[in-house]
Amino acid sequence: MKSVIAISLLAITALSGCAYKASPYGVSPANVNAIKATGIKPVAVLPFTATKPGAASITCRAAGPVRVVPSFERYIEGALIDELKLASAYDPASDIKISGKLEQIDFSSGMSDGAWMFVLTISNAKNASFTVNSKWPFSGSFVADKACQEVAQAFGPSVQNLIKEVIQDPRFKQLAQ
């Protein structure tokens, strides 16, 4: 009986420290092509800010946190830079500077579906800005562990979608001039 209790306590301790990590960002060829289609000159990207600076995790049910490295706003900033670089539209020395503020970020992890939700404001040095509200749906699960794995796996594609919504907004091209 004591060994069953000891094994149970060990399992609870081991599982309570679990974190679900989002994968590194993968560039979207569709986003690269969309950036090229805007015809913008290369831009610099200033450090992104956030309403909750440095936040890098959100708790998923009682299963543990979903984590990104280094933080949500830095992940999104890096993703945008990666997309711009591959589209030959990034130059850190450019006079055209854009930045972003992650106003909100959250997810749902329902039994049948889930979604990442973002509110991101993009601006330039001339104080022009626009805000994108993005929602990326994905499958859910009744089982907390599986649902939280789905949340972490959906983060990269949800950021690709967020960037797509930013660059396809006609105000992006105006902002990047």
Protein backbone atom coordinates (compact mmCIF):
# COMPACT_ATOMS: atom_id res chain seq x y z
CA MET A 1 0.00 0.00 0.00
CA LYS A 2 2.84 2.38 0.88
CA SER A 3 4.48 1.73 -2.48
CA VAL A 4 1.23 2.58 -4.31
CA ILE A 5 0.99 5.88 -2.43
CA ALA A 6 4.66 6.65 -3.07
CA ILE A 7 4.30 5.92 -6.79
CA SER A 8 1.12 8.02 -6.94
CA LEU A 9 2.82 10.96 -5.23
CA LEU A 10 5.82 10.65 -7.53
CA ALA A 11 3.56 10.62 -10.60
CA ILE A 12 1.60 13.65 -9.38
CA THR A 13 4.82 15.54 -8.69
CA ALA A 14 6.26 14.66 -12.09
CA LEU A 15 3.10 15.58 -13.99
CA SER A 16 2.45 18.83 -12.15
CA GLY A 17 5.64 20.33 -13.58
CA CYS A 18 4.75 19.55 -17.20
CA ALA A 19 4.90 22.31 -19.70
CA TYR A 20 3.68 22.25 -23.26
CA LYS A 21 6.20 24.04 -25.48
CA ALA A 22 5.40 25.72 -28.75
CA SER A 23 7.73 24.82 -31.59
CA PRO A 24 10.10 27.38 -33.10
CA TYR A 25 8.44 29.47 -35.79
CA GLY A 26 8.32 28.15 -39.34
CA VAL A 27 8.04 30.69 -42.15
CA SER A 28 4.94 30.55 -44.34
CA PRO A 29 5.68 30.60 -48.10
CA ALA A 30 2.23 32.16 -48.64
CA ASN A 31 3.13 35.01 -46.28
CA VAL A 32 6.48 35.55 -48.01
CA ASN A 33 4.71 35.77 -51.37
CA ALA A 34 2.10 38.13 -49.94
CA ILE A 35 4.84 40.43 -48.62
CA LYS A 36 6.54 40.41 -52.02
CA ALA A 37 3.20 41.24 -53.65
CA THR A 38 2.85 44.40 -51.52
CA GLY A 39 5.95 45.83 -53.21
CA ILE A 40 7.13 47.46 -49.98
CA LYS A 41 10.70 48.63 -49.59
CA PRO A 42 12.73 46.90 -46.88
CA VAL A 43 11.66 47.92 -43.38
CA ALA A 44 13.21 47.75 -39.93
CA VAL A 45 11.27 46.11 -37.12
CA LEU A 46 11.55 47.72 -33.71
CA PRO A 47 11.17 45.57 -30.58
CA PHE A 48 7.56 44.55 -30.00
CA THR A 49 5.92 45.42 -26.71
CA ALA A 50 3.01 43.83 -24.89
CA THR A 51 0.33 44.72 -22.41
CA LYS A 52 1.91 41.97 -20.29
CA PRO A 53 5.61 42.36 -21.15
CA GLY A 54 7.71 39.22 -21.11
CA ALA A 55 4.79 36.83 -20.66
CA ALA A 56 5.84 33.46 -22.03
CA SER A 57 3.18 31.05 -20.79
CA ILE A 58 -0.52 30.61 -20.21
CA THR A 59 -1.89 27.87 -18.00
CA CYS A 60 -3.81 25.19 -19.85
CA ARG A 61 -6.58 23.66 -17.78
CA ALA A 62 -4.97 22.00 -14.74
CA ALA A 63 -2.40 20.23 -16.91
CA GLY A 64 0.31 22.89 -16.93
CA PRO A 65 1.47 25.92 -18.86
CA VAL A 66 1.80 26.35 -22.61
CA ARG A 67 5.17 28.06 -23.10
CA VAL A 68 6.91 29.96 -25.87
CA VAL A 69 10.52 31.12 -26.03
CA PRO A 70 11.49 33.83 -25.26
CA SER A 71 8.07 35.56 -24.82
CA PHE A 72 4.86 35.95 -26.79
CA GLU A 73 5.72 39.39 -28.18
CA ARG A 74 9.31 38.41 -29.05
CA TYR A 75 8.12 35.22 -30.78
CA ILE A 76 5.70 37.23 -32.94
CA GLU A 77 8.31 39.92 -33.63
CA GLY A 78 10.83 37.26 -34.67
CA ALA A 79 8.24 35.57 -36.87
CA LEU A 80 7.50 38.82 -38.70
CA ILE A 81 11.21 39.49 -39.18
CA ASP A 82 11.74 35.97 -40.55
CA GLU A 83 8.90 36.46 -43.04
CA LEU A 84 10.23 39.88 -44.11
CA LYS A 85 13.78 38.54 -44.51
CA LEU A 86 12.71 35.75 -46.85
CA ALA A 87 10.69 38.26 -48.86
CA SER A 88 13.76 40.55 -49.11
CA ALA A 89 11.74 43.21 -47.32
CA TYR A 90 13.80 43.51 -44.12
CA ASP A 91 16.66 45.89 -43.41
CA PRO A 92 17.47 46.70 -39.77
CA ALA A 93 19.06 49.99 -40.96
CA SER A 94 15.97 51.12 -42.90
CA ASP A 95 14.45 54.53 -42.21
CA ILE A 96 11.03 52.88 -42.39
CA LYS A 97 10.44 51.43 -38.93
CA ILE A 98 7.48 49.38 -37.85
CA SER A 99 6.66 48.01 -34.44
CA GLY A 100 3.97 46.01 -32.76
CA LYS A 101 2.17 45.85 -29.46
CA LEU A 102 0.58 42.60 -28.37
CA GLU A 103 -2.56 43.95 -26.74
CA GLN A 104 -4.10 40.57 -25.90
CA ILE A 105 -3.29 36.90 -26.27
CA ASP A 106 -5.26 33.93 -25.07
CA PHE A 107 -6.48 30.52 -26.11
CA SER A 108 -9.40 28.22 -25.49
CA SER A 109 -8.97 24.47 -25.18
CA GLY A 110 -12.45 23.02 -25.39
CA MET A 111 -13.48 19.41 -25.51
CA SER A 112 -14.27 19.54 -29.22
CA ASP A 113 -12.41 22.63 -30.42
CA GLY A 114 -9.90 25.24 -29.41
CA ALA A 115 -8.55 28.55 -30.68
CA TRP A 116 -5.70 31.01 -30.25
CA MET A 117 -6.82 34.65 -30.09
CA PHE A 118 -4.60 37.69 -30.62
CA VAL A 119 -5.08 41.44 -30.64
CA LEU A 120 -1.99 43.05 -32.21
CA THR A 121 -1.45 46.72 -33.02
CA ILE A 122 1.09 47.50 -35.74
CA SER A 123 2.49 51.03 -35.97
CA ASN A 124 5.22 53.06 -37.63
CA ALA A 125 7.46 55.94 -36.57
CA LYS A 126 4.92 58.42 -37.98
CA ASN A 127 2.37 57.28 -35.36
CA ALA A 128 0.14 55.60 -37.94
CA SER A 129 -1.27 52.31 -36.69
CA PHE A 130 -3.90 49.64 -37.12
CA THR A 131 -5.10 46.74 -35.00
CA VAL A 132 -5.72 43.15 -36.04
CA ASN A 133 -7.98 40.77 -34.13
CA SER A 134 -6.99 37.27 -35.13
CA LYS A 135 -8.49 33.92 -34.18
CA TRP A 136 -7.06 30.56 -35.27
CA PRO A 137 -9.25 27.50 -34.59
CA PHE A 138 -7.90 23.99 -34.01
CA SER A 139 -9.20 20.68 -32.70
CA GLY A 140 -9.79 20.14 -29.02
CA SER A 141 -9.91 17.13 -26.74
CA PHE A 142 -11.72 15.92 -23.67
CA VAL A 143 -8.38 14.77 -22.24
CA ALA A 144 -6.49 17.72 -20.74
CA ASP A 145 -3.02 16.47 -21.72
CA LYS A 146 -4.00 16.00 -25.36
CA ALA A 147 -5.88 19.32 -25.46
CA CYS A 148 -2.87 21.21 -24.11
CA GLN A 149 -0.57 19.50 -26.61
CA GLU A 150 -2.96 20.68 -29.35
CA VAL A 151 -2.74 24.24 -27.97
CA ALA A 152 1.07 24.20 -28.09
CA GLN A 153 1.14 22.64 -31.58
CA ALA A 154 -1.33 25.22 -32.91
CA PHE A 155 0.69 28.23 -31.73
CA GLY A 156 3.05 28.41 -34.73
CA PRO A 157 0.26 28.13 -37.34
CA SER A 158 -1.80 30.67 -35.40
CA VAL A 159 1.10 33.16 -35.55
CA GLN A 160 1.44 32.48 -39.29
CA ASN A 161 -2.24 33.37 -39.62
CA LEU A 162 -1.80 36.50 -37.48
CA ILE A 163 1.05 37.69 -39.72
CA LYS A 164 -1.03 36.88 -42.82
CA GLU A 165 -3.83 39.07 -41.48
CA VAL A 166 -1.36 41.88 -40.76
CA ILE A 167 0.30 41.86 -44.18
CA GLN A 168 -2.94 41.39 -46.11
CA ASP A 169 -4.47 44.42 -44.42
CA PRO A 170 -4.21 47.33 -46.91
CA ARG A 171 -3.03 49.56 -44.06
CA PHE A 172 0.15 47.48 -43.74
CA LYS A 173 1.42 48.67 -47.12
CA GLN A 174 0.58 52.29 -46.21
CA LEU A 175 2.33 51.91 -42.85
CA ALA A 176 5.47 50.50 -44.48
CA GLN A 177 6.06 53.56 -46.67
